[in-house]
Amino acid sequence: DLLNDAEQSMMEYKTSIENLKKDSKYTLDKIAIGESDLQRGQTDL
């Protein structure tokens, strides 16, 4: 019925949001590591 469909959609939505958060945290970590590598490279020169 309609209510179950709505609940199912909300569950899928929340799951995809959680996955996005995990992915973006991983990406932000990679960016931070890259920036520190760049800064270290500049000071080594």
N, C-alpha and C. Protein backbone atom coordinates (compact mmCIF):
# COMPACT_ATOMS: atom_id res chain seq x y z
N ASP A 1 0.84 -1.20 0.00
CA ASP A 1 0.00 0.00 0.00
C ASP A 1 0.88 1.25 0.00
N LEU A 2 0.23 2.38 0.01
CA LEU A 2 0.93 3.65 -0.15
C LEU A 2 1.88 3.93 1.01
N LEU A 3 1.45 3.64 2.24
CA LEU A 3 2.29 3.92 3.41
C LEU A 3 3.56 3.08 3.38
N ASN A 4 3.42 1.80 3.07
CA ASN A 4 4.59 0.93 3.00
C ASN A 4 5.55 1.39 1.91
N ASP A 5 5.00 1.83 0.77
CA ASP A 5 5.85 2.34 -0.31
C ASP A 5 6.62 3.56 0.15
N ALA A 6 5.96 4.44 0.88
CA ALA A 6 6.61 5.65 1.37
C ALA A 6 7.71 5.30 2.36
N GLU A 7 7.43 4.35 3.26
CA GLU A 7 8.44 3.93 4.24
C GLU A 7 9.63 3.30 3.53
N GLN A 8 9.36 2.49 2.52
CA GLN A 8 10.43 1.84 1.77
C GLN A 8 11.29 2.90 1.08
N SER A 9 10.66 3.90 0.51
CA SER A 9 11.40 4.98 -0.15
C SER A 9 12.28 5.73 0.84
N MET A 10 11.74 5.99 2.03
CA MET A 10 12.51 6.70 3.05
C MET A 10 13.72 5.88 3.48
N MET A 11 13.55 4.58 3.64
CA MET A 11 14.66 3.72 4.04
C MET A 11 15.76 3.75 2.98
N GLU A 12 15.37 3.64 1.71
CA GLU A 12 16.35 3.67 0.63
C GLU A 12 17.04 5.02 0.58
N TYR A 13 16.27 6.08 0.81
CA TYR A 13 16.82 7.44 0.80
C TYR A 13 17.86 7.60 1.90
N LYS A 14 17.51 7.17 3.11
CA LYS A 14 18.44 7.28 4.25
C LYS A 14 19.70 6.47 3.99
N THR A 15 19.54 5.27 3.43
CA THR A 15 20.69 4.42 3.15
C THR A 15 21.61 5.10 2.15
N SER A 16 21.04 5.69 1.10
CA SER A 16 21.89 6.33 0.09
C SER A 16 22.56 7.57 0.67
N ILE A 17 21.89 8.28 1.57
CA ILE A 17 22.51 9.44 2.23
C ILE A 17 23.69 8.99 3.08
N GLU A 18 23.51 7.90 3.83
CA GLU A 18 24.61 7.38 4.65
C GLU A 18 25.80 7.00 3.78
N ASN A 19 25.53 6.35 2.66
CA ASN A 19 26.61 5.95 1.75
C ASN A 19 27.32 7.18 1.19
N LEU A 20 26.55 8.21 0.86
CA LEU A 20 27.15 9.45 0.35
C LEU A 20 28.05 10.08 1.40
N LYS A 21 27.58 10.08 2.66
CA LYS A 21 28.39 10.66 3.74
C LYS A 21 29.71 9.91 3.87
N LYS A 22 29.65 8.58 3.83
CA LYS A 22 30.87 7.78 3.93
C LYS A 22 31.81 8.09 2.77
N ASP A 23 31.25 8.14 1.55
CA ASP A 23 32.07 8.41 0.37
C ASP A 23 32.70 9.79 0.45
N SER A 24 31.92 10.79 0.86
CA SER A 24 32.46 12.15 0.89
C SER A 24 33.52 12.29 1.98
N LYS A 25 33.35 11.58 3.10
CA LYS A 25 34.37 11.62 4.14
C LYS A 25 35.67 11.04 3.60
N TYR A 26 35.57 9.94 2.88
CA TYR A 26 36.75 9.31 2.29
C TYR A 26 37.42 10.28 1.31
N THR A 27 36.61 10.95 0.49
CA THR A 27 37.15 11.90 -0.48
C THR A 27 37.80 13.08 0.22
N LEU A 28 37.17 13.60 1.27
CA LEU A 28 37.75 14.72 2.01
C LEU A 28 39.07 14.32 2.64
N ASP A 29 39.15 13.10 3.15
CA ASP A 29 40.41 12.61 3.72
C ASP A 29 41.50 12.58 2.65
N LYS A 30 41.15 12.11 1.46
CA LYS A 30 42.12 12.05 0.37
C LYS A 30 42.59 13.45 0.01
N ILE A 31 41.67 14.42 -0.04
CA ILE A 31 42.03 15.80 -0.37
C ILE A 31 42.97 16.36 0.69
N ALA A 32 42.66 16.11 1.96
CA ALA A 32 43.50 16.62 3.05
C ALA A 32 44.90 16.03 2.95
N ILE A 33 44.99 14.73 2.67
CA ILE A 33 46.29 14.08 2.53
C ILE A 33 47.04 14.69 1.35
N GLY A 34 46.35 14.91 0.25
CA GLY A 34 46.96 15.51 -0.93
C GLY A 34 47.49 16.90 -0.64
N GLU A 35 46.72 17.70 0.09
CA GLU A 35 47.14 19.06 0.41
C GLU A 35 48.38 19.04 1.30
N SER A 36 48.41 18.17 2.29
CA SER A 36 49.58 18.12 3.17
C SER A 36 50.80 17.63 2.39
N ASP A 37 50.60 16.72 1.44
CA ASP A 37 51.71 16.28 0.59
C ASP A 37 52.24 17.44 -0.24
N LEU A 38 51.34 18.26 -0.78
CA LEU A 38 51.76 19.42 -1.58
C LEU A 38 52.57 20.39 -0.73
N GLN A 39 52.08 20.67 0.47
CA GLN A 39 52.77 21.62 1.34
C GLN A 39 54.14 21.07 1.73
N ARG A 40 54.22 19.77 2.02
CA ARG A 40 55.48 19.16 2.38
C ARG A 40 56.44 19.24 1.20
N GLY A 41 55.93 19.02 -0.01
CA GLY A 41 56.75 19.11 -1.21
C GLY A 41 57.30 20.51 -1.42
N GLN A 42 56.50 21.53 -1.14
CA GLN A 42 56.95 22.91 -1.31
C GLN A 42 58.04 23.25 -0.31
N THR A 43 57.90 22.80 0.93
CA THR A 43 58.90 23.14 1.95
C THR A 43 60.19 22.36 1.71
N ASP A 44 60.09 21.15 1.14
CA ASP A 44 61.29 20.36 0.84
C ASP A 44 62.10 21.01 -0.26
N LEU A 45 61.44 21.69 -1.19
CA LEU A 45 62.15 22.39 -2.26
C LEU A 45 62.80 23.63 -1.68
